[in-house]
Amino acid sequence: MDNFIADLKYIVKQKSTIVRNFKEEFSWIKKTALKQHYYTYHGSLTTKPFTECVIWIIFTKPIHISRRQLMKFRELHSSHNGVLINENDRPLQPFNNRTIVYGY
C-alpha cells in the first residue's frame, strides 16, 4: 500500500492520471481477503457527484494504516470544488435492492 499512498501526490486535480499495475499494487487485497471474511457490493463514490462506479469490499476486521498514510489521504482535493477533502462520507443511503455478497 505504500507505493499507492506515495503516488497520491500526483493526483492533484480532476482527471489526474497515474498508471499502475493493479495486480501488483493491490495484491495485498487478495492476500487479506484470503485470510478473513468480507462483504462486497456495487455502490457509489462517497464524494460529489456520488457516481455509481465502485465495487466496495468491506472486511469484517479493519485494515490498519499509519497516521502518516492517513495524512496523505487528507491532502487530497475534491474534483467537485477543488477544496481539501475533509470528509468523504455521506448519510446512509437506501438499499435499493443491491446484491451483497459475503466472501469467506
C-alpha atoms as a PDB file:
ATOM      1  CA  MET A   1       0.000   0.000   0.000  1.00  0.00           C
ATOM      2  CA  ASP A   2       2.982   2.328   0.497  1.00  0.00           C
ATOM      3  CA  ASN A   3       3.502   2.700  -3.278  1.00  0.00           C
ATOM      4  CA  PHE A   4      -0.155   3.616  -3.735  1.00  0.00           C
ATOM      5  CA  ILE A   5      -0.019   6.228  -0.986  1.00  0.00           C
ATOM      6  CA  ALA A   6       3.248   7.663  -2.307  1.00  0.00           C
ATOM      7  CA  ASP A   7       1.532   8.194  -5.677  1.00  0.00           C
ATOM      8  CA  LEU A   8      -1.302  10.247  -4.161  1.00  0.00           C
ATOM      9  CA  LYS A   9       0.845  13.375  -4.597  1.00  0.00           C
ATOM     10  CA  TYR A  10       0.349  13.034  -8.371  1.00  0.00           C
ATOM     11  CA  ILE A  11      -3.437  13.151  -8.047  1.00  0.00           C
ATOM     12  CA  VAL A  12      -3.754  16.895  -7.600  1.00  0.00           C
ATOM     13  CA  LYS A  13      -6.736  17.875  -9.702  1.00  0.00           C
ATOM     14  CA  GLN A  14      -9.719  16.457 -11.538  1.00  0.00           C
ATOM     15  CA  LYS A  15      -8.821  13.959 -14.266  1.00  0.00           C
ATOM     16  CA  SER A  16      -5.283  13.492 -12.932  1.00  0.00           C
ATOM     17  CA  THR A  17      -3.960  10.181 -14.165  1.00  0.00           C
ATOM     18  CA  ILE A  18      -1.366   7.776 -12.918  1.00  0.00           C
ATOM     19  CA  VAL A  19      -0.852   4.349 -14.442  1.00  0.00           C
ATOM     20  CA  ARG A  20      -0.014   1.428 -12.204  1.00  0.00           C
ATOM     21  CA  ASN A  21      -0.256  -2.328 -12.489  1.00  0.00           C
ATOM     22  CA  PHE A  22      -3.367  -3.103 -10.454  1.00  0.00           C
ATOM     23  CA  LYS A  23      -2.371  -6.713  -9.900  1.00  0.00           C
ATOM     24  CA  GLU A  24       0.948  -5.666  -8.366  1.00  0.00           C
ATOM     25  CA  GLU A  25      -0.218  -2.593  -6.442  1.00  0.00           C
ATOM     26  CA  PHE A  26      -3.224  -4.215  -4.837  1.00  0.00           C
ATOM     27  CA  SER A  27      -2.089  -7.809  -4.399  1.00  0.00           C
ATOM     28  CA  TRP A  28      -2.393  -7.177  -0.650  1.00  0.00           C
ATOM     29  CA  ILE A  29      -6.185  -7.029  -1.040  1.00  0.00           C
ATOM     30  CA  LYS A  30      -6.306 -10.591  -2.351  1.00  0.00           C
ATOM     31  CA  LYS A  31      -3.944 -11.787   0.389  1.00  0.00           C
ATOM     32  CA  THR A  32      -6.092 -10.078   3.025  1.00  0.00           C
ATOM     33  CA  ALA A  33      -9.328 -11.431   1.534  1.00  0.00           C
ATOM     34  CA  LEU A  34      -7.964 -14.971   1.659  1.00  0.00           C
ATOM     35  CA  LYS A  35      -7.248 -14.578   5.380  1.00  0.00           C
ATOM     36  CA  GLN A  36     -10.552 -13.109   6.536  1.00  0.00           C
ATOM     37  CA  HIS A  37     -14.208 -12.682   5.686  1.00  0.00           C
ATOM     38  CA  TYR A  38     -15.594  -9.734   3.737  1.00  0.00           C
ATOM     39  CA  TYR A  39     -18.690  -8.280   2.113  1.00  0.00           C
ATOM     40  CA  THR A  40     -18.784  -6.760  -1.359  1.00  0.00           C
ATOM     41  CA  TYR A  41     -21.378  -4.795  -3.309  1.00  0.00           C
ATOM     42  CA  HIS A  42     -21.700  -2.310  -6.180  1.00  0.00           C
ATOM     43  CA  GLY A  43     -22.097   1.243  -4.919  1.00  0.00           C
ATOM     44  CA  SER A  44     -21.108   4.856  -5.379  1.00  0.00           C
ATOM     45  CA  LEU A  45     -18.358   7.296  -4.543  1.00  0.00           C
ATOM     46  CA  THR A  46     -18.582   8.955  -1.128  1.00  0.00           C
ATOM     47  CA  THR A  47     -17.983  12.441  -2.548  1.00  0.00           C
ATOM     48  CA  LYS A  48     -19.961  14.508  -5.059  1.00  0.00           C
ATOM     49  CA  PRO A  49     -21.263  13.709  -7.611  1.00  0.00           C
ATOM     50  CA  PHE A  50     -21.642  10.267  -5.894  1.00  0.00           C
ATOM     51  CA  THR A  51     -21.133   8.395  -9.165  1.00  0.00           C
ATOM     52  CA  GLU A  52     -22.144   4.716  -9.061  1.00  0.00           C
ATOM     53  CA  CYS A  53     -18.832   3.259 -10.218  1.00  0.00           C
ATOM     54  CA  VAL A  54     -17.379   1.456  -7.207  1.00  0.00           C
ATOM     55  CA  ILE A  55     -17.205  -2.142  -6.088  1.00  0.00           C
ATOM     56  CA  TRP A  56     -16.925  -1.874  -2.317  1.00  0.00           C
ATOM     57  CA  ILE A  57     -15.045  -4.504  -0.326  1.00  0.00           C
ATOM     58  CA  ILE A  58     -15.703  -4.351   3.406  1.00  0.00           C
ATOM     59  CA  PHE A  59     -13.550  -6.625   5.515  1.00  0.00           C
ATOM     60  CA  THR A  60     -15.026  -7.959   8.745  1.00  0.00           C
ATOM     61  CA  LYS A  61     -11.842  -6.875  10.544  1.00  0.00           C
ATOM     62  CA  PRO A  62     -10.235  -3.452   9.994  1.00  0.00           C
ATOM     63  CA  ILE A  63      -7.083  -2.977   7.957  1.00  0.00           C
ATOM     64  CA  HIS A  64      -4.901  -0.550   9.861  1.00  0.00           C
ATOM     65  CA  ILE A  65      -2.919   2.278   8.274  1.00  0.00           C
ATOM     66  CA  SER A  66      -0.401   4.592   9.876  1.00  0.00           C
ATOM     67  CA  ARG A  67      -1.077   8.201  10.830  1.00  0.00           C
ATOM     68  CA  ARG A  68       1.359   9.244   8.071  1.00  0.00           C
ATOM     69  CA  GLN A  69      -0.648   7.292   5.488  1.00  0.00           C
ATOM     70  CA  LEU A  70      -3.895   8.825   6.732  1.00  0.00           C
ATOM     71  CA  MET A  71      -2.440  12.332   6.442  1.00  0.00           C
ATOM     72  CA  LYS A  72      -1.569  11.691   2.770  1.00  0.00           C
ATOM     73  CA  PHE A  73      -5.237  10.984   2.064  1.00  0.00           C
ATOM     74  CA  ARG A  74      -6.210  14.171   3.901  1.00  0.00           C
ATOM     75  CA  GLU A  75      -4.057  16.202   1.479  1.00  0.00           C
ATOM     76  CA  LEU A  76      -6.301  15.267  -1.468  1.00  0.00           C
ATOM     77  CA  HIS A  77      -8.519  17.879  -3.110  1.00  0.00           C
ATOM     78  CA  SER A  78     -12.076  17.392  -4.289  1.00  0.00           C
ATOM     79  CA  SER A  79     -12.691  17.147  -8.031  1.00  0.00           C
ATOM     80  CA  HIS A  80     -16.069  18.775  -7.379  1.00  0.00           C
ATOM     81  CA  ASN A  81     -14.884  22.123  -5.996  1.00  0.00           C
ATOM     82  CA  GLY A  82     -11.103  21.875  -5.596  1.00  0.00           C
ATOM     83  CA  VAL A  83     -11.025  22.226  -1.810  1.00  0.00           C
ATOM     84  CA  LEU A  84      -9.420  19.756   0.558  1.00  0.00           C
ATOM     85  CA  ILE A  85     -11.491  16.653   1.179  1.00  0.00           C
ATOM     86  CA  ASN A  86     -12.169  16.980   4.892  1.00  0.00           C
ATOM     87  CA  GLU A  87     -14.972  14.467   4.923  1.00  0.00           C
ATOM     88  CA  ASN A  88     -15.728  11.749   2.446  1.00  0.00           C
ATOM     89  CA  ASP A  89     -18.793  10.217   3.899  1.00  0.00           C
ATOM     90  CA  ARG A  90     -22.434  10.771   3.270  1.00  0.00           C
ATOM     91  CA  PRO A  91     -25.651   9.897   5.061  1.00  0.00           C
ATOM     92  CA  LEU A  92     -26.844   6.317   4.903  1.00  0.00           C
ATOM     93  CA  GLN A  93     -28.486   5.672   1.534  1.00  0.00           C
ATOM     94  CA  PRO A  94     -31.438   3.445   0.617  1.00  0.00           C
ATOM     95  CA  PHE A  95     -30.533  -0.193  -0.025  1.00  0.00           C
ATOM     96  CA  ASN A  96     -32.155  -0.149  -3.497  1.00  0.00           C
ATOM     97  CA  ASN A  97     -32.211  -3.962  -3.672  1.00  0.00           C
ATOM     98  CA  ARG A  98     -28.439  -4.172  -4.103  1.00  0.00           C
ATOM     99  CA  THR A  99     -26.868  -7.608  -4.057  1.00  0.00           C
ATOM    100  CA  ILE A 100     -24.441  -8.024  -1.181  1.00  0.00           C
ATOM    101  CA  VAL A 101     -22.008 -10.928  -1.419  1.00  0.00           C
ATOM    102  CA  TYR A 102     -20.381 -12.458   1.656  1.00  0.00           C
ATOM    103  CA  GLY A 103     -16.918 -13.855   0.986  1.00  0.00           C
ATOM    104  CA  TYR A 104     -15.217 -16.335   3.268  1.00  0.00           C
END
